[in-house]
mmCIF file of all heavy atoms, coordinates in Angstrom:
data_MODEL
# 
_entry.id   MODEL 
# 
loop_
_atom_site.group_PDB 
_atom_site.id 
_atom_site.type_symbol 
_atom_site.label_atom_id 
_atom_site.label_alt_id 
_atom_site.label_comp_id 
_atom_site.label_asym_id 
_atom_site.label_entity_id 
_atom_site.label_seq_id 
_atom_site.pdbx_PDB_ins_code 
_atom_site.Cartn_x 
_atom_site.Cartn_y 
_atom_site.Cartn_z 
_atom_site.occupancy 
_atom_site.B_iso_or_equiv 
_atom_site.pdbx_formal_charge 
_atom_site.auth_seq_id 
_atom_site.auth_comp_id 
_atom_site.auth_asym_id 
_atom_site.auth_atom_id 
_atom_site.pdbx_PDB_model_num 
ATOM 1   N N   . SER A 1 1  ? -4.147 13.383  -25.058 1.00 0.00 ? 1  SER A N   1 
ATOM 2   C CA  . SER A 1 1  ? -3.087 13.515  -24.041 1.00 0.00 ? 1  SER A CA  1 
ATOM 3   C C   . SER A 1 1  ? -3.654 13.325  -22.641 1.00 0.00 ? 1  SER A C   1 
ATOM 4   O O   . SER A 1 1  ? -3.013 12.720  -21.772 1.00 0.00 ? 1  SER A O   1 
ATOM 5   C CB  . SER A 1 1  ? -2.396 14.873  -24.144 1.00 0.00 ? 1  SER A CB  1 
ATOM 6   O OG  . SER A 1 1  ? -3.310 15.930  -23.980 1.00 0.00 ? 1  SER A OG  1 
ATOM 7   N N   . GLN A 1 2  ? -4.880 13.809  -22.418 1.00 0.00 ? 2  GLN A N   1 
ATOM 8   C CA  . GLN A 1 2  ? -5.498 13.592  -21.114 1.00 0.00 ? 2  GLN A CA  1 
ATOM 9   C C   . GLN A 1 2  ? -5.704 12.109  -20.848 1.00 0.00 ? 2  GLN A C   1 
ATOM 10  O O   . GLN A 1 2  ? -5.418 11.612  -19.737 1.00 0.00 ? 2  GLN A O   1 
ATOM 11  C CB  . GLN A 1 2  ? -6.852 14.314  -21.021 1.00 0.00 ? 2  GLN A CB  1 
ATOM 12  C CG  . GLN A 1 2  ? -6.768 15.788  -20.770 1.00 0.00 ? 2  GLN A CG  1 
ATOM 13  C CD  . GLN A 1 2  ? -8.113 16.363  -20.406 1.00 0.00 ? 2  GLN A CD  1 
ATOM 14  O OE1 . GLN A 1 2  ? -8.631 16.122  -19.318 1.00 0.00 ? 2  GLN A OE1 1 
ATOM 15  N NE2 . GLN A 1 2  ? -8.690 17.116  -21.320 1.00 0.00 ? 2  GLN A NE2 1 
ATOM 16  N N   . ARG A 1 3  ? -6.195 11.400  -21.846 1.00 0.00 ? 3  ARG A N   1 
ATOM 17  C CA  . ARG A 1 3  ? -6.400 9.955   -21.678 1.00 0.00 ? 3  ARG A CA  1 
ATOM 18  C C   . ARG A 1 3  ? -5.079 9.271   -21.357 1.00 0.00 ? 3  ARG A C   1 
ATOM 19  O O   . ARG A 1 3  ? -5.018 8.375   -20.485 1.00 0.00 ? 3  ARG A O   1 
ATOM 20  C CB  . ARG A 1 3  ? -6.998 9.362   -22.954 1.00 0.00 ? 3  ARG A CB  1 
ATOM 21  C CG  . ARG A 1 3  ? -7.171 7.844   -22.850 1.00 0.00 ? 3  ARG A CG  1 
ATOM 22  C CD  . ARG A 1 3  ? -7.586 7.241   -24.190 1.00 0.00 ? 3  ARG A CD  1 
ATOM 23  N NE  . ARG A 1 3  ? -7.731 5.790   -24.078 1.00 0.00 ? 3  ARG A NE  1 
ATOM 24  C CZ  . ARG A 1 3  ? -6.727 4.937   -24.199 1.00 0.00 ? 3  ARG A CZ  1 
ATOM 25  N NH1 . ARG A 1 3  ? -5.490 5.385   -24.444 1.00 0.00 ? 3  ARG A NH1 1 
ATOM 26  N NH2 . ARG A 1 3  ? -6.936 3.636   -24.089 1.00 0.00 ? 3  ARG A NH2 1 
ATOM 27  N N   . THR A 1 4  ? -3.998 9.662   -22.041 1.00 0.00 ? 4  THR A N   1 
ATOM 28  C CA  . THR A 1 4  ? -2.691 9.052   -21.810 1.00 0.00 ? 4  THR A CA  1 
ATOM 29  C C   . THR A 1 4  ? -2.232 9.266   -20.371 1.00 0.00 ? 4  THR A C   1 
ATOM 30  O O   . THR A 1 4  ? -1.770 8.343   -19.698 1.00 0.00 ? 4  THR A O   1 
ATOM 31  C CB  . THR A 1 4  ? -1.644 9.645   -22.777 1.00 0.00 ? 4  THR A CB  1 
ATOM 32  O OG1 . THR A 1 4  ? -2.048 9.360   -24.136 1.00 0.00 ? 4  THR A OG1 1 
ATOM 33  C CG2 . THR A 1 4  ? -0.267 9.035   -22.521 1.00 0.00 ? 4  THR A CG2 1 
ATOM 34  N N   . VAL A 1 5  ? -2.414 10.476  -19.858 1.00 0.00 ? 5  VAL A N   1 
ATOM 35  C CA  . VAL A 1 5  ? -2.004 10.787  -18.484 1.00 0.00 ? 5  VAL A CA  1 
ATOM 36  C C   . VAL A 1 5  ? -2.859 10.015  -17.485 1.00 0.00 ? 5  VAL A C   1 
ATOM 37  O O   . VAL A 1 5  ? -2.344 9.451   -16.501 1.00 0.00 ? 5  VAL A O   1 
ATOM 38  C CB  . VAL A 1 5  ? -2.072 12.292  -18.213 1.00 0.00 ? 5  VAL A CB  1 
ATOM 39  C CG1 . VAL A 1 5  ? -1.795 12.589  -16.733 1.00 0.00 ? 5  VAL A CG1 1 
ATOM 40  C CG2 . VAL A 1 5  ? -1.109 13.036  -19.108 1.00 0.00 ? 5  VAL A CG2 1 
ATOM 41  N N   . ILE A 1 6  ? -4.180 9.948   -17.725 1.00 0.00 ? 6  ILE A N   1 
ATOM 42  C CA  . ILE A 1 6  ? -5.078 9.245   -16.828 1.00 0.00 ? 6  ILE A CA  1 
ATOM 43  C C   . ILE A 1 6  ? -4.716 7.756   -16.741 1.00 0.00 ? 6  ILE A C   1 
ATOM 44  O O   . ILE A 1 6  ? -4.576 7.181   -15.673 1.00 0.00 ? 6  ILE A O   1 
ATOM 45  C CB  . ILE A 1 6  ? -6.538 9.419   -17.253 1.00 0.00 ? 6  ILE A CB  1 
ATOM 46  C CG1 . ILE A 1 6  ? -6.986 10.867  -17.102 1.00 0.00 ? 6  ILE A CG1 1 
ATOM 47  C CG2 . ILE A 1 6  ? -7.440 8.500   -16.444 1.00 0.00 ? 6  ILE A CG2 1 
ATOM 48  C CD1 . ILE A 1 6  ? -8.293 11.190  -17.769 1.00 0.00 ? 6  ILE A CD1 1 
ATOM 49  N N   . VAL A 1 7  ? -4.552 7.121   -17.911 1.00 0.00 ? 7  VAL A N   1 
ATOM 50  C CA  . VAL A 1 7  ? -4.215 5.688   -17.921 1.00 0.00 ? 7  VAL A CA  1 
ATOM 51  C C   . VAL A 1 7  ? -2.854 5.469   -17.295 1.00 0.00 ? 7  VAL A C   1 
ATOM 52  O O   . VAL A 1 7  ? -2.663 4.490   -16.513 1.00 0.00 ? 7  VAL A O   1 
ATOM 53  C CB  . VAL A 1 7  ? -4.269 5.140   -19.358 1.00 0.00 ? 7  VAL A CB  1 
ATOM 54  C CG1 . VAL A 1 7  ? -3.762 3.707   -19.399 1.00 0.00 ? 7  VAL A CG1 1 
ATOM 55  C CG2 . VAL A 1 7  ? -5.670 5.235   -19.914 1.00 0.00 ? 7  VAL A CG2 1 
ATOM 56  N N   . SER A 1 8  ? -1.890 6.348   -17.572 1.00 0.00 ? 8  SER A N   1 
ATOM 57  C CA  . SER A 1 8  ? -0.556 6.199   -16.989 1.00 0.00 ? 8  SER A CA  1 
ATOM 58  C C   . SER A 1 8  ? -0.618 6.265   -15.464 1.00 0.00 ? 8  SER A C   1 
ATOM 59  O O   . SER A 1 8  ? 0.015  5.462   -14.761 1.00 0.00 ? 8  SER A O   1 
ATOM 60  C CB  . SER A 1 8  ? 0.363  7.294   -17.508 1.00 0.00 ? 8  SER A CB  1 
ATOM 61  O OG  . SER A 1 8  ? 0.570  7.169   -18.910 1.00 0.00 ? 8  SER A OG  1 
ATOM 62  N N   . LEU A 1 9  ? -1.384 7.224   -14.935 1.00 0.00 ? 9  LEU A N   1 
ATOM 63  C CA  . LEU A 1 9  ? -1.513 7.375   -13.484 1.00 0.00 ? 9  LEU A CA  1 
ATOM 64  C C   . LEU A 1 9  ? -2.187 6.147   -12.890 1.00 0.00 ? 9  LEU A C   1 
ATOM 65  O O   . LEU A 1 9  ? -1.793 5.649   -11.815 1.00 0.00 ? 9  LEU A O   1 
ATOM 66  C CB  . LEU A 1 9  ? -2.289 8.650   -13.163 1.00 0.00 ? 9  LEU A CB  1 
ATOM 67  C CG  . LEU A 1 9  ? -2.425 9.031   -11.670 1.00 0.00 ? 9  LEU A CG  1 
ATOM 68  C CD1 . LEU A 1 9  ? -1.057 9.142   -11.019 1.00 0.00 ? 9  LEU A CD1 1 
ATOM 69  C CD2 . LEU A 1 9  ? -3.174 10.331  -11.553 1.00 0.00 ? 9  LEU A CD2 1 
ATOM 70  N N   . PHE A 1 10 ? -3.219 5.653   -13.564 1.00 0.00 ? 10 PHE A N   1 
ATOM 71  C CA  . PHE A 1 10 ? -3.932 4.473   -13.100 1.00 0.00 ? 10 PHE A CA  1 
ATOM 72  C C   . PHE A 1 10 ? -2.991 3.273   -13.009 1.00 0.00 ? 10 PHE A C   1 
ATOM 73  O O   . PHE A 1 10 ? -2.968 2.538   -12.014 1.00 0.00 ? 10 PHE A O   1 
ATOM 74  C CB  . PHE A 1 10 ? -5.076 4.178   -14.098 1.00 0.00 ? 10 PHE A CB  1 
ATOM 75  C CG  . PHE A 1 10 ? -6.328 3.685   -13.449 1.00 0.00 ? 10 PHE A CG  1 
ATOM 76  C CD1 . PHE A 1 10 ? -7.406 4.547   -13.244 1.00 0.00 ? 10 PHE A CD1 1 
ATOM 77  C CD2 . PHE A 1 10 ? -6.482 2.378   -13.073 1.00 0.00 ? 10 PHE A CD2 1 
ATOM 78  C CE1 . PHE A 1 10 ? -8.586 4.102   -12.658 1.00 0.00 ? 10 PHE A CE1 1 
ATOM 79  C CE2 . PHE A 1 10 ? -7.648 1.903   -12.526 1.00 0.00 ? 10 PHE A CE2 1 
ATOM 80  C CZ  . PHE A 1 10 ? -8.705 2.777   -12.298 1.00 0.00 ? 10 PHE A CZ  1 
ATOM 81  N N   . LEU A 1 11 ? -2.197 3.046   -14.056 1.00 0.00 ? 11 LEU A N   1 
ATOM 82  C CA  . LEU A 1 11 ? -1.306 1.884   -14.117 1.00 0.00 ? 11 LEU A CA  1 
ATOM 83  C C   . LEU A 1 11 ? -0.133 2.040   -13.152 1.00 0.00 ? 11 LEU A C   1 
ATOM 84  O O   . LEU A 1 11 ? 0.331  1.062   -12.567 1.00 0.00 ? 11 LEU A O   1 
ATOM 85  C CB  . LEU A 1 11 ? -0.811 1.672   -15.556 1.00 0.00 ? 11 LEU A CB  1 
ATOM 86  C CG  . LEU A 1 11 ? -1.884 1.236   -16.553 1.00 0.00 ? 11 LEU A CG  1 
ATOM 87  C CD1 . LEU A 1 11 ? -1.301 1.151   -17.950 1.00 0.00 ? 11 LEU A CD1 1 
ATOM 88  C CD2 . LEU A 1 11 ? -2.509 -0.088  -16.150 1.00 0.00 ? 11 LEU A CD2 1 
ATOM 89  N N   . PHE A 1 12 ? 0.381  3.254   -13.024 1.00 0.00 ? 12 PHE A N   1 
ATOM 90  C CA  . PHE A 1 12 ? 1.456  3.515   -12.081 1.00 0.00 ? 12 PHE A CA  1 
ATOM 91  C C   . PHE A 1 12 ? 1.001  3.209   -10.648 1.00 0.00 ? 12 PHE A C   1 
ATOM 92  O O   . PHE A 1 12 ? 1.734  2.569   -9.890  1.00 0.00 ? 12 PHE A O   1 
ATOM 93  C CB  . PHE A 1 12 ? 1.927  4.938   -12.199 1.00 0.00 ? 12 PHE A CB  1 
ATOM 94  C CG  . PHE A 1 12 ? 3.211  5.223   -11.445 1.00 0.00 ? 12 PHE A CG  1 
ATOM 95  C CD1 . PHE A 1 12 ? 4.441  4.859   -11.994 1.00 0.00 ? 12 PHE A CD1 1 
ATOM 96  C CD2 . PHE A 1 12 ? 3.182  5.877   -10.217 1.00 0.00 ? 12 PHE A CD2 1 
ATOM 97  C CE1 . PHE A 1 12 ? 5.617  5.123   -11.295 1.00 0.00 ? 12 PHE A CE1 1 
ATOM 98  C CE2 . PHE A 1 12 ? 4.370  6.130   -9.527  1.00 0.00 ? 12 PHE A CE2 1 
ATOM 99  C CZ  . PHE A 1 12 ? 5.565  5.764   -10.053 1.00 0.00 ? 12 PHE A CZ  1 
ATOM 100 N N   . CYS A 1 13 ? -0.217 3.626   -10.327 1.00 0.00 ? 13 CYS A N   1 
ATOM 101 C CA  . CYS A 1 13 ? -0.763 3.314   -9.003  1.00 0.00 ? 13 CYS A CA  1 
ATOM 102 C C   . CYS A 1 13 ? -0.956 1.824   -8.822  1.00 0.00 ? 13 CYS A C   1 
ATOM 103 O O   . CYS A 1 13 ? -0.740 1.285   -7.717  1.00 0.00 ? 13 CYS A O   1 
ATOM 104 C CB  . CYS A 1 13 ? -2.118 4.051   -8.808  1.00 0.00 ? 13 CYS A CB  1 
ATOM 105 S SG  . CYS A 1 13 ? -1.977 5.813   -8.537  1.00 0.00 ? 13 CYS A SG  1 
ATOM 106 N N   . ALA A 1 14 ? -1.385 1.127   -9.875  1.00 0.00 ? 14 ALA A N   1 
ATOM 107 C CA  . ALA A 1 14 ? -1.495 -0.326  -9.810  1.00 0.00 ? 14 ALA A CA  1 
ATOM 108 C C   . ALA A 1 14 ? -0.156 -0.963  -9.495  1.00 0.00 ? 14 ALA A C   1 
ATOM 109 O O   . ALA A 1 14 ? -0.042 -1.921  -8.733  1.00 0.00 ? 14 ALA A O   1 
ATOM 110 C CB  . ALA A 1 14 ? -2.090 -0.858  -11.091 1.00 0.00 ? 14 ALA A CB  1 
ATOM 111 N N   . GLY A 1 15 ? 0.912  -0.436  -10.140 1.00 0.00 ? 15 GLY A N   1 
ATOM 112 C CA  . GLY A 1 15 ? 2.248  -0.937  -9.863  1.00 0.00 ? 15 GLY A CA  1 
ATOM 113 C C   . GLY A 1 15 ? 2.667  -0.683  -8.425  1.00 0.00 ? 15 GLY A C   1 
ATOM 114 O O   . GLY A 1 15 ? 3.251  -1.539  -7.744  1.00 0.00 ? 15 GLY A O   1 
ATOM 115 N N   . LEU A 1 16 ? 2.373  0.520   -7.926  1.00 0.00 ? 16 LEU A N   1 
ATOM 116 C CA  . LEU A 1 16 ? 2.647  0.837   -6.500  1.00 0.00 ? 16 LEU A CA  1 
ATOM 117 C C   . LEU A 1 16 ? 1.916  -0.177  -5.618  1.00 0.00 ? 16 LEU A C   1 
ATOM 118 O O   . LEU A 1 16 ? 2.471  -0.650  -4.610  1.00 0.00 ? 16 LEU A O   1 
ATOM 119 C CB  . LEU A 1 16 ? 2.217  2.249   -6.176  1.00 0.00 ? 16 LEU A CB  1 
ATOM 120 C CG  . LEU A 1 16 ? 3.001  3.411   -6.789  1.00 0.00 ? 16 LEU A CG  1 
ATOM 121 C CD1 . LEU A 1 16 ? 2.315  4.719   -6.480  1.00 0.00 ? 16 LEU A CD1 1 
ATOM 122 C CD2 . LEU A 1 16 ? 4.438  3.437   -6.278  1.00 0.00 ? 16 LEU A CD2 1 
ATOM 123 N N   . GLY A 1 17 ? 0.680  -0.493  -5.996  1.00 0.00 ? 17 GLY A N   1 
ATOM 124 C CA  . GLY A 1 17 ? -0.100 -1.444  -5.212  1.00 0.00 ? 17 GLY A CA  1 
ATOM 125 C C   . GLY A 1 17 ? 0.514  -2.842  -5.209  1.00 0.00 ? 17 GLY A C   1 
ATOM 126 O O   . GLY A 1 17 ? 0.467  -3.543  -4.193  1.00 0.00 ? 17 GLY A O   1 
ATOM 127 N N   . VAL A 1 18 ? 1.112  -3.233  -6.331  1.00 0.00 ? 18 VAL A N   1 
ATOM 128 C CA  . VAL A 1 18 ? 1.798  -4.529  -6.386  1.00 0.00 ? 18 VAL A CA  1 
ATOM 129 C C   . VAL A 1 18 ? 2.971  -4.537  -5.406  1.00 0.00 ? 18 VAL A C   1 
ATOM 130 O O   . VAL A 1 18 ? 3.198  -5.549  -4.683  1.00 0.00 ? 18 VAL A O   1 
ATOM 131 C CB  . VAL A 1 18 ? 2.294  -4.840  -7.819  1.00 0.00 ? 18 VAL A CB  1 
ATOM 132 C CG1 . VAL A 1 18 ? 3.214  -6.051  -7.850  1.00 0.00 ? 18 VAL A CG1 1 
ATOM 133 C CG2 . VAL A 1 18 ? 1.096  -5.056  -8.754  1.00 0.00 ? 18 VAL A CG2 1 
ATOM 134 N N   . ALA A 1 19 ? 3.708  -3.450  -5.374  1.00 0.00 ? 19 ALA A N   1 
ATOM 135 C CA  . ALA A 1 19 ? 4.847  -3.358  -4.430  1.00 0.00 ? 19 ALA A CA  1 
ATOM 136 C C   . ALA A 1 19 ? 4.385  -3.440  -2.992  1.00 0.00 ? 19 ALA A C   1 
ATOM 137 O O   . ALA A 1 19 ? 5.011  -4.101  -2.152  1.00 0.00 ? 19 ALA A O   1 
ATOM 138 C CB  . ALA A 1 19 ? 5.616  -2.068  -4.687  1.00 0.00 ? 19 ALA A CB  1 
ATOM 139 N N   . VAL A 1 20 ? 3.288  -2.755  -2.691  1.00 0.00 ? 20 VAL A N   1 
ATOM 140 C CA  . VAL A 1 20 ? 2.753  -2.787  -1.309  1.00 0.00 ? 20 VAL A CA  1 
ATOM 141 C C   . VAL A 1 20 ? 2.295  -4.199  -0.967  1.00 0.00 ? 20 VAL A C   1 
ATOM 142 O O   . VAL A 1 20 ? 2.567  -4.711  0.135   1.00 0.00 ? 20 VAL A O   1 
ATOM 143 C CB  . VAL A 1 20 ? 1.587  -1.790  -1.161  1.00 0.00 ? 20 VAL A CB  1 
ATOM 144 C CG1 . VAL A 1 20 ? 0.854  -2.007  0.139   1.00 0.00 ? 20 VAL A CG1 1 
ATOM 145 C CG2 . VAL A 1 20 ? 2.139  -0.366  -1.236  1.00 0.00 ? 20 VAL A CG2 1 
ATOM 146 N N   . ALA A 1 21 ? 1.574  -4.834  -1.890  1.00 0.00 ? 21 ALA A N   1 
ATOM 147 C CA  . ALA A 1 21 ? 1.097  -6.198  -1.643  1.00 0.00 ? 21 ALA A CA  1 
ATOM 148 C C   . ALA A 1 21 ? 2.261  -7.147  -1.410  1.00 0.00 ? 21 ALA A C   1 
ATOM 149 O O   . ALA A 1 21 ? 2.210  -8.026  -0.533  1.00 0.00 ? 21 ALA A O   1 
ATOM 150 C CB  . ALA A 1 21 ? 0.244  -6.665  -2.806  1.00 0.00 ? 21 ALA A CB  1 
ATOM 151 N N   . GLN A 1 22 ? 3.328  -6.979  -2.176  1.00 0.00 ? 22 GLN A N   1 
ATOM 152 C CA  . GLN A 1 22 ? 4.515  -7.804  -2.007  1.00 0.00 ? 22 GLN A CA  1 
ATOM 153 C C   . GLN A 1 22 ? 5.107  -7.603  -0.617  1.00 0.00 ? 22 GLN A C   1 
ATOM 154 O O   . GLN A 1 22 ? 5.485  -8.564  0.079   1.00 0.00 ? 22 GLN A O   1 
ATOM 155 C CB  . GLN A 1 22 ? 5.542  -7.487  -3.075  1.00 0.00 ? 22 GLN A CB  1 
ATOM 156 C CG  . GLN A 1 22 ? 6.848  -8.279  -2.944  1.00 0.00 ? 22 GLN A CG  1 
ATOM 157 C CD  . GLN A 1 22 ? 7.986  -7.644  -3.742  1.00 0.00 ? 22 GLN A CD  1 
ATOM 158 O OE1 . GLN A 1 22 ? 8.146  -6.434  -3.757  1.00 0.00 ? 22 GLN A OE1 1 
ATOM 159 N NE2 . GLN A 1 22 ? 8.752  -8.486  -4.409  1.00 0.00 ? 22 GLN A NE2 1 
ATOM 160 N N   . ALA A 1 23 ? 5.192  -6.326  -0.212  1.00 0.00 ? 23 ALA A N   1 
ATOM 161 C CA  . ALA A 1 23 ? 5.765  -6.026  1.104   1.00 0.00 ? 23 ALA A CA  1 
ATOM 162 C C   . ALA A 1 23 ? 4.909  -6.564  2.242   1.00 0.00 ? 23 ALA A C   1 
ATOM 163 O O   . ALA A 1 23 ? 5.402  -6.912  3.322   1.00 0.00 ? 23 ALA A O   1 
ATOM 164 C CB  . ALA A 1 23 ? 5.916  -4.499  1.272   1.00 0.00 ? 23 ALA A CB  1 
ATOM 165 N N   . GLN A 1 24 ? 3.599  -6.677  2.005   1.00 0.00 ? 24 GLN A N   1 
ATOM 166 C CA  . GLN A 1 24 ? 2.677  -7.212  3.018   1.00 0.00 ? 24 GLN A CA  1 
ATOM 167 C C   . GLN A 1 24 ? 2.609  -8.729  2.990   1.00 0.00 ? 24 GLN A C   1 
ATOM 168 O O   . GLN A 1 24 ? 1.868  -9.308  3.762   1.00 0.00 ? 24 GLN A O   1 
ATOM 169 C CB  . GLN A 1 24 ? 1.266  -6.624  2.783   1.00 0.00 ? 24 GLN A CB  1 
ATOM 170 C CG  . GLN A 1 24 ? 1.196  -5.134  3.057   1.00 0.00 ? 24 GLN A CG  1 
ATOM 171 C CD  . GLN A 1 24 ? -0.167 -4.568  2.765   1.00 0.00 ? 24 GLN A CD  1 
ATOM 172 O OE1 . GLN A 1 24 ? -0.860 -5.008  1.844   1.00 0.00 ? 24 GLN A OE1 1 
ATOM 173 N NE2 . GLN A 1 24 ? -0.586 -3.566  3.549   1.00 0.00 ? 24 GLN A NE2 1 
ATOM 174 N N   . GLY A 1 25 ? 3.362  -9.346  2.097   1.00 0.00 ? 25 GLY A N   1 
ATOM 175 C CA  . GLY A 1 25 ? 3.392  -10.806 2.034   1.00 0.00 ? 25 GLY A CA  1 
ATOM 176 C C   . GLY A 1 25 ? 2.134  -11.396 1.457   1.00 0.00 ? 25 GLY A C   1 
ATOM 177 O O   . GLY A 1 25 ? 1.712  -12.499 1.869   1.00 0.00 ? 25 GLY A O   1 
ATOM 178 N N   . GLN A 1 26 ? 1.523  -10.729 0.514   1.00 0.00 ? 26 GLN A N   1 
ATOM 179 C CA  . GLN A 1 26 ? 0.282  -11.228 -0.110  1.00 0.00 ? 26 GLN A CA  1 
ATOM 180 C C   . GLN A 1 26 ? 0.500  -12.612 -0.693  1.00 0.00 ? 26 GLN A C   1 
ATOM 181 O O   . GLN A 1 26 ? 1.428  -12.832 -1.476  1.00 0.00 ? 26 GLN A O   1 
ATOM 182 C CB  . GLN A 1 26 ? -0.164 -10.267 -1.213  1.00 0.00 ? 26 GLN A CB  1 
ATOM 183 C CG  . GLN A 1 26 ? -1.481 -10.665 -1.884  1.00 0.00 ? 26 GLN A CG  1 
ATOM 184 C CD  . GLN A 1 26 ? -1.763 -9.832  -3.128  1.00 0.00 ? 26 GLN A CD  1 
ATOM 185 O OE1 . GLN A 1 26 ? -0.947 -9.797  -4.033  1.00 0.00 ? 26 GLN A OE1 1 
ATOM 186 N NE2 . GLN A 1 26 ? -2.880 -9.147  -3.142  1.00 0.00 ? 26 GLN A NE2 1 
ATOM 187 N N   . SER A 1 27 ? -0.374 -13.556 -0.356  1.00 0.00 ? 27 SER A N   1 
ATOM 188 C CA  . SER A 1 27 ? -0.279 -14.911 -0.888  1.00 0.00 ? 27 SER A CA  1 
ATOM 189 C C   . SER A 1 27 ? -0.805 -14.957 -2.312  1.00 0.00 ? 27 SER A C   1 
ATOM 190 O O   . SER A 1 27 ? -1.574 -14.080 -2.744  1.00 0.00 ? 27 SER A O   1 
ATOM 191 C CB  . SER A 1 27 ? -1.082 -15.894 -0.010  1.00 0.00 ? 27 SER A CB  1 
ATOM 192 O OG  . SER A 1 27 ? -2.474 -15.594 -0.095  1.00 0.00 ? 27 SER A OG  1 
ATOM 193 N N   . TRP A 1 28 ? -0.445 -16.034 -3.019  1.00 0.00 ? 28 TRP A N   1 
ATOM 194 C CA  . TRP A 1 28 ? -0.980 -16.191 -4.389  1.00 0.00 ? 28 TRP A CA  1 
ATOM 195 C C   . TRP A 1 28 ? -2.485 -16.388 -4.350  1.00 0.00 ? 28 TRP A C   1 
ATOM 196 O O   . TRP A 1 28 ? -3.189 -15.922 -5.239  1.00 0.00 ? 28 TRP A O   1 
ATOM 197 C CB  . TRP A 1 28 ? -0.289 -17.365 -5.081  1.00 0.00 ? 28 TRP A CB  1 
ATOM 198 C CG  . TRP A 1 28 ? 0.982  -16.959 -5.757  1.00 0.00 ? 28 TRP A CG  1 
ATOM 199 C CD1 . TRP A 1 28 ? 2.239  -17.192 -5.347  1.00 0.00 ? 28 TRP A CD1 1 
ATOM 200 C CD2 . TRP A 1 28 ? 1.088  -16.235 -7.011  1.00 0.00 ? 28 TRP A CD2 1 
ATOM 201 N NE1 . TRP A 1 28 ? 3.173  -16.655 -6.223  1.00 0.00 ? 28 TRP A NE1 1 
ATOM 202 C CE2 . TRP A 1 28 ? 2.465  -16.092 -7.295  1.00 0.00 ? 28 TRP A CE2 1 
ATOM 203 C CE3 . TRP A 1 28 ? 0.177  -15.719 -7.913  1.00 0.00 ? 28 TRP A CE3 1 
ATOM 204 C CZ2 . TRP A 1 28 ? 2.949  -15.422 -8.411  1.00 0.00 ? 28 TRP A CZ2 1 
ATOM 205 C CZ3 . TRP A 1 28 ? 0.664  -15.080 -9.060  1.00 0.00 ? 28 TRP A CZ3 1 
ATOM 206 C CH2 . TRP A 1 28 ? 2.005  -14.932 -9.279  1.00 0.00 ? 28 TRP A CH2 1 
ATOM 207 N N   . ALA A 1 29 ? -2.978 -17.053 -3.318  1.00 0.00 ? 29 ALA A N   1 
ATOM 208 C CA  . ALA A 1 29 ? -4.439 -17.268 -3.228  1.00 0.00 ? 29 ALA A CA  1 
ATOM 209 C C   . ALA A 1 29 ? -5.179 -15.935 -3.126  1.00 0.00 ? 29 ALA A C   1 
ATOM 210 O O   . ALA A 1 29 ? -6.182 -15.719 -3.791  1.00 0.00 ? 29 ALA A O   1 
ATOM 211 C CB  . ALA A 1 29 ? -4.761 -18.155 -2.035  1.00 0.00 ? 29 ALA A CB  1 
# 
């Protein structure tokens, strides 16, 4: 269960980062 929570938090943060990058106009390059 600890591993599940850790991975979930890691991936959720990665998703938040995608949203931030989109808002910042990150280019494909």
